[in-house]
Amino acid sequence: LMNAAVAQGVEPAQIAQHCDSVSLCFSKGLGAPCGAVLAGCREFVSEAWRVRKLLGGGMRQAGVLAAAAHFGLQRAEETLRRDHSNARRFAEGTAGKPSIHVLDSPLWSIDLAAVETNIVMVNVQRAWPSPAELCDRLRAVSEEEVAETGRAVSVLLLPWSAQTVRAVWHRNVSARDTELARRKLEFVARKCKE
């Protein structure tokens, strides 16, 4: 909800007005250690409260966690805009450096029009490397990589489907981390072509 609102430049309420209920997780992108809120009609929230109690859910003295959620909400727009910018930079590249969109030719492609928030979907073009193999290569650090690039970088992406890898940015992934991830993808691309 918050990523969509920031990407569209609207208040979350403008999106939520079309829903009967809304759940918002404070740890996803907002940086709180945990916590969520649920909103809906009185009967729905009462039933959710009853079921939560029935299942043993609940916390005592959660004020410090509420403070972290409040802090995250106060900075949500700034934080999420930075995440969206980093995701876009990863997909497009930076001045003078090839983007993964340019690097994609035989191995993968990215639909730049679909990069609207903090998520980049990388479409794998061939049977090899598969999304799982690509993720394994991005995560692994080899002596060859350190010798060639002067650094050891491990990038954690998720094999999303049989032909897709999912990359997600959050508040702990900096612009520098994004550039290192782009360079690691470039390194893996060269090795796969060899």
C-alpha atoms as a PDB file:
ATOM      1  CA  LEU A   1       0.000   0.000   0.000  1.00  0.00           C
ATOM      2  CA  MET A   2       2.696   2.481   0.965  1.00  0.00           C
ATOM      3  CA  ASN A   3       4.889   1.667  -2.066  1.00  0.00           C
ATOM      4  CA  ALA A   4       1.901   2.021  -4.397  1.00  0.00           C
ATOM      5  CA  ALA A   5       0.865   5.327  -2.815  1.00  0.00           C
ATOM      6  CA  VAL A   6       4.373   6.792  -3.101  1.00  0.00           C
ATOM      7  CA  ALA A   7       4.779   5.576  -6.695  1.00  0.00           C
ATOM      8  CA  GLN A   8       1.423   7.087  -7.687  1.00  0.00           C
ATOM      9  CA  GLY A   9       1.943  10.265  -5.682  1.00  0.00           C
ATOM     10  CA  VAL A  10      -1.305   9.866  -3.753  1.00  0.00           C
ATOM     11  CA  GLU A  11      -2.279   9.392  -0.125  1.00  0.00           C
ATOM     12  CA  PRO A  12      -2.722   5.749   0.961  1.00  0.00           C
ATOM     13  CA  ALA A  13      -6.352   6.553   1.820  1.00  0.00           C
ATOM     14  CA  GLN A  14      -7.046   7.278  -1.852  1.00  0.00           C
ATOM     15  CA  ILE A  15      -6.118   3.681  -2.716  1.00  0.00           C
ATOM     16  CA  ALA A  16      -7.657   2.108   0.395  1.00  0.00           C
ATOM     17  CA  GLN A  17     -11.035   3.768  -0.185  1.00  0.00           C
ATOM     18  CA  HIS A  18     -11.784   1.021  -2.701  1.00  0.00           C
ATOM     19  CA  CYS A  19     -11.186  -1.776  -0.168  1.00  0.00           C
ATOM     20  CA  ASP A  20     -13.328  -3.343   2.548  1.00  0.00           C
ATOM     21  CA  SER A  21     -10.265  -3.991   4.688  1.00  0.00           C
ATOM     22  CA  VAL A  22      -6.606  -3.016   4.708  1.00  0.00           C
ATOM     23  CA  SER A  23      -3.593  -4.550   6.403  1.00  0.00           C
ATOM     24  CA  LEU A  24      -0.315  -2.678   6.614  1.00  0.00           C
ATOM     25  CA  CYS A  25       2.928  -4.312   7.728  1.00  0.00           C
ATOM     26  CA  PHE A  26       5.363  -1.900   9.366  1.00  0.00           C
ATOM     27  CA  SER A  27       8.436  -4.057   8.770  1.00  0.00           C
ATOM     28  CA  LYS A  28       8.101  -4.161   4.989  1.00  0.00           C
ATOM     29  CA  GLY A  29       9.937  -1.138   3.670  1.00  0.00           C
ATOM     30  CA  LEU A  30       9.093   1.045   6.654  1.00  0.00           C
ATOM     31  CA  GLY A  31      11.873  -0.416   8.767  1.00  0.00           C
ATOM     32  CA  ALA A  32      10.083  -1.284  12.006  1.00  0.00           C
ATOM     33  CA  PRO A  33      11.262  -4.544  13.599  1.00  0.00           C
ATOM     34  CA  CYS A  34       7.715  -5.925  13.486  1.00  0.00           C
ATOM     35  CA  GLY A  35       4.089  -4.941  13.692  1.00  0.00           C
ATOM     36  CA  ALA A  36       1.065  -4.447  11.525  1.00  0.00           C
ATOM     37  CA  VAL A  37      -2.319  -2.768  11.579  1.00  0.00           C
ATOM     38  CA  LEU A  38      -5.639  -3.979  10.313  1.00  0.00           C
ATOM     39  CA  ALA A  39      -8.500  -1.692   9.350  1.00  0.00           C
ATOM     40  CA  GLY A  40     -12.016  -2.430   8.265  1.00  0.00           C
ATOM     41  CA  CYS A  41     -15.577  -2.284   9.511  1.00  0.00           C
ATOM     42  CA  ARG A  42     -16.160  -2.670  13.250  1.00  0.00           C
ATOM     43  CA  GLU A  43     -17.478  -6.260  12.915  1.00  0.00           C
ATOM     44  CA  PHE A  44     -14.501  -7.357  10.810  1.00  0.00           C
ATOM     45  CA  VAL A  45     -11.933  -5.866  13.210  1.00  0.00           C
ATOM     46  CA  SER A  46     -13.780  -7.342  16.233  1.00  0.00           C
ATOM     47  CA  GLU A  47     -13.713 -10.802  14.665  1.00  0.00           C
ATOM     48  CA  ALA A  48     -10.017 -10.434  13.745  1.00  0.00           C
ATOM     49  CA  TRP A  49      -9.285  -9.372  17.345  1.00  0.00           C
ATOM     50  CA  ARG A  50     -11.175 -12.422  18.681  1.00  0.00           C
ATOM     51  CA  VAL A  51      -9.369 -14.839  16.331  1.00  0.00           C
ATOM     52  CA  ARG A  52      -5.986 -13.302  17.172  1.00  0.00           C
ATOM     53  CA  LYS A  53      -6.646 -13.840  20.884  1.00  0.00           C
ATOM     54  CA  LEU A  54      -7.955 -17.353  20.206  1.00  0.00           C
ATOM     55  CA  LEU A  55      -4.729 -18.239  18.397  1.00  0.00           C
ATOM     56  CA  GLY A  56      -2.541 -16.796  21.136  1.00  0.00           C
ATOM     57  CA  GLY A  57      -1.503 -13.653  19.304  1.00  0.00           C
ATOM     58  CA  GLY A  58      -0.746 -10.497  21.172  1.00  0.00           C
ATOM     59  CA  MET A  59       2.084  -8.619  22.753  1.00  0.00           C
ATOM     60  CA  ARG A  60       2.582  -6.900  26.035  1.00  0.00           C
ATOM     61  CA  GLN A  61       4.296  -3.543  26.408  1.00  0.00           C
ATOM     62  CA  ALA A  62       4.619  -3.081  22.673  1.00  0.00           C
ATOM     63  CA  GLY A  63       5.011   0.689  22.918  1.00  0.00           C
ATOM     64  CA  VAL A  64       8.631   0.638  21.804  1.00  0.00           C
ATOM     65  CA  LEU A  65       7.581  -1.280  18.684  1.00  0.00           C
ATOM     66  CA  ALA A  66       4.752   1.178  18.103  1.00  0.00           C
ATOM     67  CA  ALA A  67       7.317   3.980  18.323  1.00  0.00           C
ATOM     68  CA  ALA A  68       9.415   2.273  15.636  1.00  0.00           C
ATOM     69  CA  ALA A  69       6.335   1.912  13.420  1.00  0.00           C
ATOM     70  CA  HIS A  70       5.451   5.572  13.981  1.00  0.00           C
ATOM     71  CA  PHE A  71       9.008   6.595  13.080  1.00  0.00           C
ATOM     72  CA  GLY A  72       8.824   4.503   9.886  1.00  0.00           C
ATOM     73  CA  LEU A  73       5.474   6.008   8.907  1.00  0.00           C
ATOM     74  CA  GLN A  74       6.777   9.538   9.415  1.00  0.00           C
ATOM     75  CA  ARG A  75       9.623   8.855   6.976  1.00  0.00           C
ATOM     76  CA  ALA A  76       7.809   6.473   4.635  1.00  0.00           C
ATOM     77  CA  GLU A  77       7.656   8.737   1.612  1.00  0.00           C
ATOM     78  CA  GLU A  78      11.354   9.677   1.765  1.00  0.00           C
ATOM     79  CA  THR A  79      12.453   6.096   2.453  1.00  0.00           C
ATOM     80  CA  LEU A  80      10.289   4.504  -0.212  1.00  0.00           C
ATOM     81  CA  ARG A  81      11.204   7.106  -2.844  1.00  0.00           C
ATOM     82  CA  ARG A  82      14.869   6.252  -2.221  1.00  0.00           C
ATOM     83  CA  ASP A  83      14.084   2.524  -2.582  1.00  0.00           C
ATOM     84  CA  HIS A  84      12.216   3.193  -5.845  1.00  0.00           C
ATOM     85  CA  SER A  85      15.099   5.316  -7.137  1.00  0.00           C
ATOM     86  CA  ASN A  86      17.649   2.617  -6.324  1.00  0.00           C
ATOM     87  CA  ALA A  87      15.549  -0.044  -8.064  1.00  0.00           C
ATOM     88  CA  ARG A  88      15.227   2.170 -11.122  1.00  0.00           C
ATOM     89  CA  ARG A  89      18.968   2.926 -11.092  1.00  0.00           C
ATOM     90  CA  PHE A  90      19.692  -0.816 -10.962  1.00  0.00           C
ATOM     91  CA  ALA A  91      17.464  -1.416 -13.985  1.00  0.00           C
ATOM     92  CA  GLU A  92      18.575   1.633 -15.990  1.00  0.00           C
ATOM     93  CA  GLY A  93      22.196   1.932 -14.915  1.00  0.00           C
ATOM     94  CA  THR A  94      24.025   5.169 -14.156  1.00  0.00           C
ATOM     95  CA  ALA A  95      25.804   7.678 -16.340  1.00  0.00           C
ATOM     96  CA  GLY A  96      28.595   6.052 -18.310  1.00  0.00           C
ATOM     97  CA  LYS A  97      27.860   2.551 -16.997  1.00  0.00           C
ATOM     98  CA  PRO A  98      25.785  -0.091 -18.765  1.00  0.00           C
ATOM     99  CA  SER A  99      22.405  -0.904 -17.300  1.00  0.00           C
ATOM    100  CA  ILE A 100      21.209  -4.422 -16.845  1.00  0.00           C
ATOM    101  CA  HIS A 101      18.689  -3.472 -19.507  1.00  0.00           C
ATOM    102  CA  VAL A 102      21.648  -3.003 -21.896  1.00  0.00           C
ATOM    103  CA  LEU A 103      23.499  -6.042 -20.548  1.00  0.00           C
ATOM    104  CA  ASP A 104      20.434  -8.193 -21.133  1.00  0.00           C
ATOM    105  CA  SER A 105      20.908  -9.241 -24.745  1.00  0.00           C
ATOM    106  CA  PRO A 106      21.296 -13.008 -24.661  1.00  0.00           C
ATOM    107  CA  LEU A 107      20.748 -13.771 -20.981  1.00  0.00           C
ATOM    108  CA  TRP A 108      17.977 -11.612 -19.535  1.00  0.00           C
ATOM    109  CA  SER A 109      15.736  -8.635 -20.061  1.00  0.00           C
ATOM    110  CA  ILE A 110      13.857  -6.126 -17.973  1.00  0.00           C
ATOM    111  CA  ASP A 111      10.647  -4.358 -18.861  1.00  0.00           C
ATOM    112  CA  LEU A 112      11.630  -0.852 -17.728  1.00  0.00           C
ATOM    113  CA  ALA A 113       8.003   0.284 -17.885  1.00  0.00           C
ATOM    114  CA  ALA A 114       7.203  -2.260 -15.161  1.00  0.00           C
ATOM    115  CA  VAL A 115       9.777  -0.813 -12.722  1.00  0.00           C
ATOM    116  CA  GLU A 116       7.407   1.437 -10.794  1.00  0.00           C
ATOM    117  CA  THR A 117       8.321   0.795  -7.166  1.00  0.00           C
ATOM    118  CA  ASN A 118      11.063  -1.046  -5.280  1.00  0.00           C
ATOM    119  CA  ILE A 119      10.736  -4.257  -7.305  1.00  0.00           C
ATOM    120  CA  VAL A 120      12.647  -5.230 -10.456  1.00  0.00           C
ATOM    121  CA  MET A 121      11.663  -8.392 -12.292  1.00  0.00           C
ATOM    122  CA  VAL A 122      14.500  -9.851 -14.390  1.00  0.00           C
ATOM    123  CA  ASN A 123      13.244 -12.105 -17.189  1.00  0.00           C
ATOM    124  CA  VAL A 124      15.710 -14.910 -17.917  1.00  0.00           C
ATOM    125  CA  GLN A 125      15.890 -15.494 -21.683  1.00  0.00           C
ATOM    126  CA  ARG A 126      17.490 -18.926 -21.870  1.00  0.00           C
ATOM    127  CA  ALA A 127      17.330 -22.271 -20.134  1.00  0.00           C
ATOM    128  CA  TRP A 128      20.796 -21.613 -18.707  1.00  0.00           C
ATOM    129  CA  PRO A 129      21.366 -20.058 -16.368  1.00  0.00           C
ATOM    130  CA  SER A 130      17.974 -20.749 -14.875  1.00  0.00           C
ATOM    131  CA  PRO A 131      16.616 -18.230 -12.359  1.00  0.00           C
ATOM    132  CA  ALA A 132      17.828 -20.449  -9.506  1.00  0.00           C
ATOM    133  CA  GLU A 133      21.292 -20.815 -11.062  1.00  0.00           C
ATOM    134  CA  LEU A 134      21.487 -17.078 -11.695  1.00  0.00           C
ATOM    135  CA  CYS A 135      20.592 -16.389  -8.054  1.00  0.00           C
ATOM    136  CA  ASP A 136      23.206 -18.919  -6.896  1.00  0.00           C
ATOM    137  CA  ARG A 137      25.894 -17.210  -9.005  1.00  0.00           C
ATOM    138  CA  LEU A 138      24.929 -13.767  -7.716  1.00  0.00           C
ATOM    139  CA  ARG A 139      25.069 -14.989  -4.110  1.00  0.00           C
ATOM    140  CA  ALA A 140      28.396 -16.840  -4.427  1.00  0.00           C
ATOM    141  CA  VAL A 141      31.759 -15.111  -4.119  1.00  0.00           C
ATOM    142  CA  SER A 142      34.727 -16.626  -5.923  1.00  0.00           C
ATOM    143  CA  GLU A 143      38.452 -15.977  -5.786  1.00  0.00           C
ATOM    144  CA  GLU A 144      38.222 -15.144  -9.498  1.00  0.00           C
ATOM    145  CA  GLU A 145      35.683 -12.389  -8.750  1.00  0.00           C
ATOM    146  CA  VAL A 146      37.876 -10.880  -6.033  1.00  0.00           C
ATOM    147  CA  ALA A 147      40.924 -11.036  -8.319  1.00  0.00           C
ATOM    148  CA  GLU A 148      39.094  -9.378 -11.247  1.00  0.00           C
ATOM    149  CA  THR A 149      36.966  -6.813  -9.438  1.00  0.00           C
ATOM    150  CA  GLY A 150      38.898  -6.234  -6.229  1.00  0.00           C
ATOM    151  CA  ARG A 151      35.880  -6.952  -4.047  1.00  0.00           C
ATOM    152  CA  ALA A 152      33.656  -9.727  -2.790  1.00  0.00           C
ATOM    153  CA  VAL A 153      29.971  -9.007  -3.338  1.00  0.00           C
ATOM    154  CA  SER A 154      27.089 -11.326  -2.552  1.00  0.00           C
ATOM    155  CA  VAL A 155      23.702 -10.355  -4.001  1.00  0.00           C
ATOM    156  CA  LEU A 156      20.559 -12.041  -2.716  1.00  0.00           C
ATOM    157  CA  LEU A 157      17.751 -12.275  -5.273  1.00  0.00           C
ATOM    158  CA  LEU A 158      14.770 -14.605  -5.433  1.00  0.00           C
ATOM    159  CA  PRO A 159      14.008 -17.072  -8.239  1.00  0.00           C
ATOM    160  CA  TRP A 160      10.388 -15.962  -8.744  1.00  0.00           C
ATOM    161  CA  SER A 161       9.213 -18.296 -11.501  1.00  0.00           C
ATOM    162  CA  ALA A 162      10.577 -20.624 -14.171  1.00  0.00           C
ATOM    163  CA  GLN A 163      11.799 -17.591 -16.166  1.00  0.00           C
ATOM    164  CA  THR A 164      11.927 -14.732 -13.664  1.00  0.00           C
ATOM    165  CA  VAL A 165      14.147 -13.432 -10.864  1.00  0.00           C
ATOM    166  CA  ARG A 166      12.811 -10.865  -8.387  1.00  0.00           C
ATOM    167  CA  ALA A 167      14.942  -8.078  -6.893  1.00  0.00           C
ATOM    168  CA  VAL A 168      13.522  -5.952  -4.061  1.00  0.00           C
ATOM    169  CA  TRP A 169      14.969  -2.825  -2.429  1.00  0.00           C
ATOM    170  CA  HIS A 170      14.428  -1.795   1.188  1.00  0.00           C
ATOM    171  CA  ARG A 171      15.731   0.870   3.541  1.00  0.00           C
ATOM    172  CA  ASN A 172      18.966  -1.027   4.254  1.00  0.00           C
ATOM    173  CA  VAL A 173      20.039  -1.189   0.594  1.00  0.00           C
ATOM    174  CA  SER A 174      21.966   1.967  -0.281  1.00  0.00           C
ATOM    175  CA  ALA A 175      22.774   3.552  -3.628  1.00  0.00           C
ATOM    176  CA  ARG A 176      26.310   2.136  -3.220  1.00  0.00           C
ATOM    177  CA  ASP A 177      24.905  -1.357  -2.574  1.00  0.00           C
ATOM    178  CA  THR A 178      22.772  -0.955  -5.694  1.00  0.00           C
ATOM    179  CA  GLU A 179      25.808  -0.091  -7.791  1.00  0.00           C
ATOM    180  CA  LEU A 180      27.738  -3.068  -6.376  1.00  0.00           C
ATOM    181  CA  ALA A 181      24.797  -5.347  -7.218  1.00  0.00           C
ATOM    182  CA  ARG A 182      24.716  -3.986 -10.774  1.00  0.00           C
ATOM    183  CA  ARG A 183      28.460  -4.610 -11.132  1.00  0.00           C
ATOM    184  CA  LYS A 184      28.057  -8.133  -9.756  1.00  0.00           C
ATOM    185  CA  LEU A 185      25.361  -8.825 -12.336  1.00  0.00           C
ATOM    186  CA  GLU A 186      27.707  -7.519 -15.026  1.00  0.00           C
ATOM    187  CA  PHE A 187      30.460  -9.853 -13.750  1.00  0.00           C
ATOM    188  CA  VAL A 188      28.088 -12.846 -13.708  1.00  0.00           C
ATOM    189  CA  ALA A 189      26.917 -11.971 -17.241  1.00  0.00           C
ATOM    190  CA  ARG A 190      30.507 -12.010 -18.521  1.00  0.00           C
ATOM    191  CA  LYS A 191      31.185 -15.362 -16.860  1.00  0.00           C
ATOM    192  CA  CYS A 192      27.977 -16.906 -18.211  1.00  0.00           C
ATOM    193  CA  LYS A 193      28.858 -15.796 -21.745  1.00  0.00           C
ATOM    194  CA  GLU A 194      32.312 -17.374 -21.399  1.00  0.00           C
END
